[in-house]
Amino acid sequence: MSAPLYQLKAEFFKTLGHPVRIRVLELLSEREHSVAEMLGEVGIEPSHLSQQLAVLRRANLVVTRKEGSNVYYSLTSPHVAELLRVARTILSGVLAGQAELLADLRADAAGGGTAGPAPT
């Protein structure tokens, strides 16, 4: 019997649950990159990048092509880039809401913290 879809989705999001993997996918959303290019952008040790790329390959989120001694990575689907754009939109909304709340709290604190219901 196969795993339920919600379980597969959870495994998929676990794969995305590492900052380096997200950064790599963001880079690859722009265009294909060589390992050397990604190293310069991600700023981690080559062995660590290799481990993270292996996770993304096993999840079929990226593919490789070799040209001479260079290995190039690209996304397997434009939907991955779309997912990252949607996540950015969601997070922007969440952060905007938090910024609004923080501004309200600061205004209340500056006013002595005695904010009550607005007069009608």
Protein backbone atom coordinates (compact mmCIF):
# COMPACT_ATOMS: atom_id res chain seq x y z
CA MET A 1 0.00 0.00 0.00
CA SER A 2 1.34 3.44 -0.88
CA ALA A 3 1.78 6.28 1.60
CA PRO A 4 -1.09 8.77 1.92
CA LEU A 5 -0.66 12.02 0.03
CA TYR A 6 -0.40 14.07 3.23
CA GLN A 7 2.53 11.93 4.34
CA LEU A 8 4.28 12.41 1.00
CA LYS A 9 3.69 16.16 1.27
CA ALA A 10 5.21 16.18 4.76
CA GLU A 11 8.32 14.40 3.44
CA PHE A 12 8.51 16.89 0.56
CA PHE A 13 8.40 19.86 2.94
CA LYS A 14 11.01 18.21 5.19
CA THR A 15 13.29 18.15 2.16
CA LEU A 16 12.76 21.89 1.81
CA GLY A 17 13.37 22.41 5.53
CA HIS A 18 17.00 23.52 5.33
CA PRO A 19 18.18 27.08 4.62
CA VAL A 20 20.97 25.98 2.27
CA ARG A 21 18.59 23.88 0.19
CA ILE A 22 16.16 26.79 -0.05
CA ARG A 23 18.99 29.13 -1.12
CA VAL A 24 20.17 26.65 -3.76
CA LEU A 25 16.63 26.32 -5.13
CA GLU A 26 16.28 30.10 -5.21
CA LEU A 27 19.51 30.37 -7.22
CA LEU A 28 18.36 27.65 -9.59
CA SER A 29 15.01 29.42 -9.98
CA GLU A 30 16.93 32.19 -11.75
CA ARG A 31 18.98 29.93 -14.05
CA GLU A 32 21.21 26.89 -14.21
CA HIS A 33 24.30 27.14 -11.98
CA SER A 34 27.56 25.27 -11.71
CA VAL A 35 28.67 23.97 -8.35
CA ALA A 36 31.47 26.57 -8.28
CA GLU A 37 28.96 29.39 -8.87
CA MET A 38 26.73 28.14 -6.09
CA LEU A 39 29.65 27.86 -3.67
CA GLY A 40 30.34 31.56 -4.15
CA GLU A 41 26.71 32.46 -3.58
CA VAL A 42 25.91 30.11 -0.68
CA GLY A 43 29.16 30.53 1.25
CA ILE A 44 29.54 27.02 2.69
CA GLU A 45 32.12 24.27 2.44
CA PRO A 46 32.08 22.25 -0.80
CA SER A 47 31.36 19.00 1.07
CA HIS A 48 28.34 20.55 2.79
CA LEU A 49 26.98 21.89 -0.51
CA SER A 50 27.50 18.46 -2.07
CA GLN A 51 25.44 16.86 0.72
CA GLN A 52 22.60 19.34 0.26
CA LEU A 53 22.61 18.91 -3.52
CA ALA A 54 22.44 15.13 -3.04
CA VAL A 55 19.30 15.55 -0.91
CA LEU A 56 17.71 17.70 -3.63
CA ARG A 57 18.70 15.17 -6.32
CA ARG A 58 17.21 12.26 -4.35
CA ALA A 59 13.98 14.24 -4.02
CA ASN A 60 13.99 14.82 -7.81
CA LEU A 61 13.95 18.58 -7.36
CA VAL A 62 17.17 19.17 -9.31
CA VAL A 63 18.98 17.53 -12.20
CA THR A 64 22.59 17.68 -13.29
CA ARG A 65 24.45 17.95 -16.53
CA LYS A 66 28.18 17.65 -16.96
CA GLU A 67 30.23 19.82 -19.30
CA GLY A 68 33.92 19.02 -19.14
CA SER A 69 34.87 19.05 -15.49
CA ASN A 70 31.95 21.30 -14.51
CA VAL A 71 28.68 19.99 -13.13
CA TYR A 72 25.64 22.19 -13.71
CA TYR A 73 22.41 22.00 -11.74
CA SER A 74 18.92 23.05 -12.75
CA LEU A 75 15.39 22.63 -11.42
CA THR A 76 13.41 19.63 -12.62
CA SER A 77 10.25 21.74 -12.84
CA PRO A 78 9.31 25.42 -13.00
CA HIS A 79 6.74 24.59 -10.30
CA VAL A 80 9.57 24.56 -7.75
CA ALA A 81 10.33 28.21 -8.54
CA GLU A 82 6.61 28.96 -8.37
CA LEU A 83 6.39 27.33 -4.93
CA LEU A 84 9.24 29.51 -3.68
CA ARG A 85 7.50 32.64 -5.05
CA VAL A 86 4.26 31.67 -3.31
CA ALA A 87 6.15 31.07 -0.05
CA ARG A 88 7.71 34.54 -0.35
CA THR A 89 4.25 36.07 -0.86
CA ILE A 90 2.85 34.26 2.18
CA LEU A 91 5.81 35.25 4.36
CA SER A 92 5.61 38.87 3.21
CA GLY A 93 1.99 38.98 4.34
CA VAL A 94 2.79 37.37 7.67
CA LEU A 95 5.69 39.75 8.31
CA ALA A 96 3.61 42.76 7.30
CA GLY A 97 0.97 41.70 9.82
CA GLN A 98 3.62 41.29 12.52
CA ALA A 99 5.10 44.71 11.71
CA GLU A 100 1.64 46.23 12.06
CA LEU A 101 1.15 44.53 15.41
CA LEU A 102 4.57 45.70 16.61
CA ALA A 103 3.77 49.29 15.58
CA ASP A 104 0.48 49.09 17.49
CA LEU A 105 2.24 47.73 20.59
CA ARG A 106 4.86 50.48 20.44
CA ALA A 107 2.16 53.13 20.05
CA ASP A 108 0.32 51.69 23.06
CA ALA A 109 3.52 51.68 25.12
CA ALA A 110 4.32 55.27 24.15
CA GLY A 111 0.83 56.31 25.19
CA GLY A 112 1.24 54.83 28.66
CA GLY A 113 -0.13 51.42 27.82
CA THR A 114 -3.67 52.38 28.69
CA ALA A 115 -5.16 51.69 25.33
CA GLY A 116 -8.73 50.62 25.54
CA PRO A 117 -11.51 50.32 23.03
CA ALA A 118 -11.63 53.09 20.47
CA PRO A 119 -14.18 55.78 21.19
CA THR A 120 -17.32 55.69 19.08
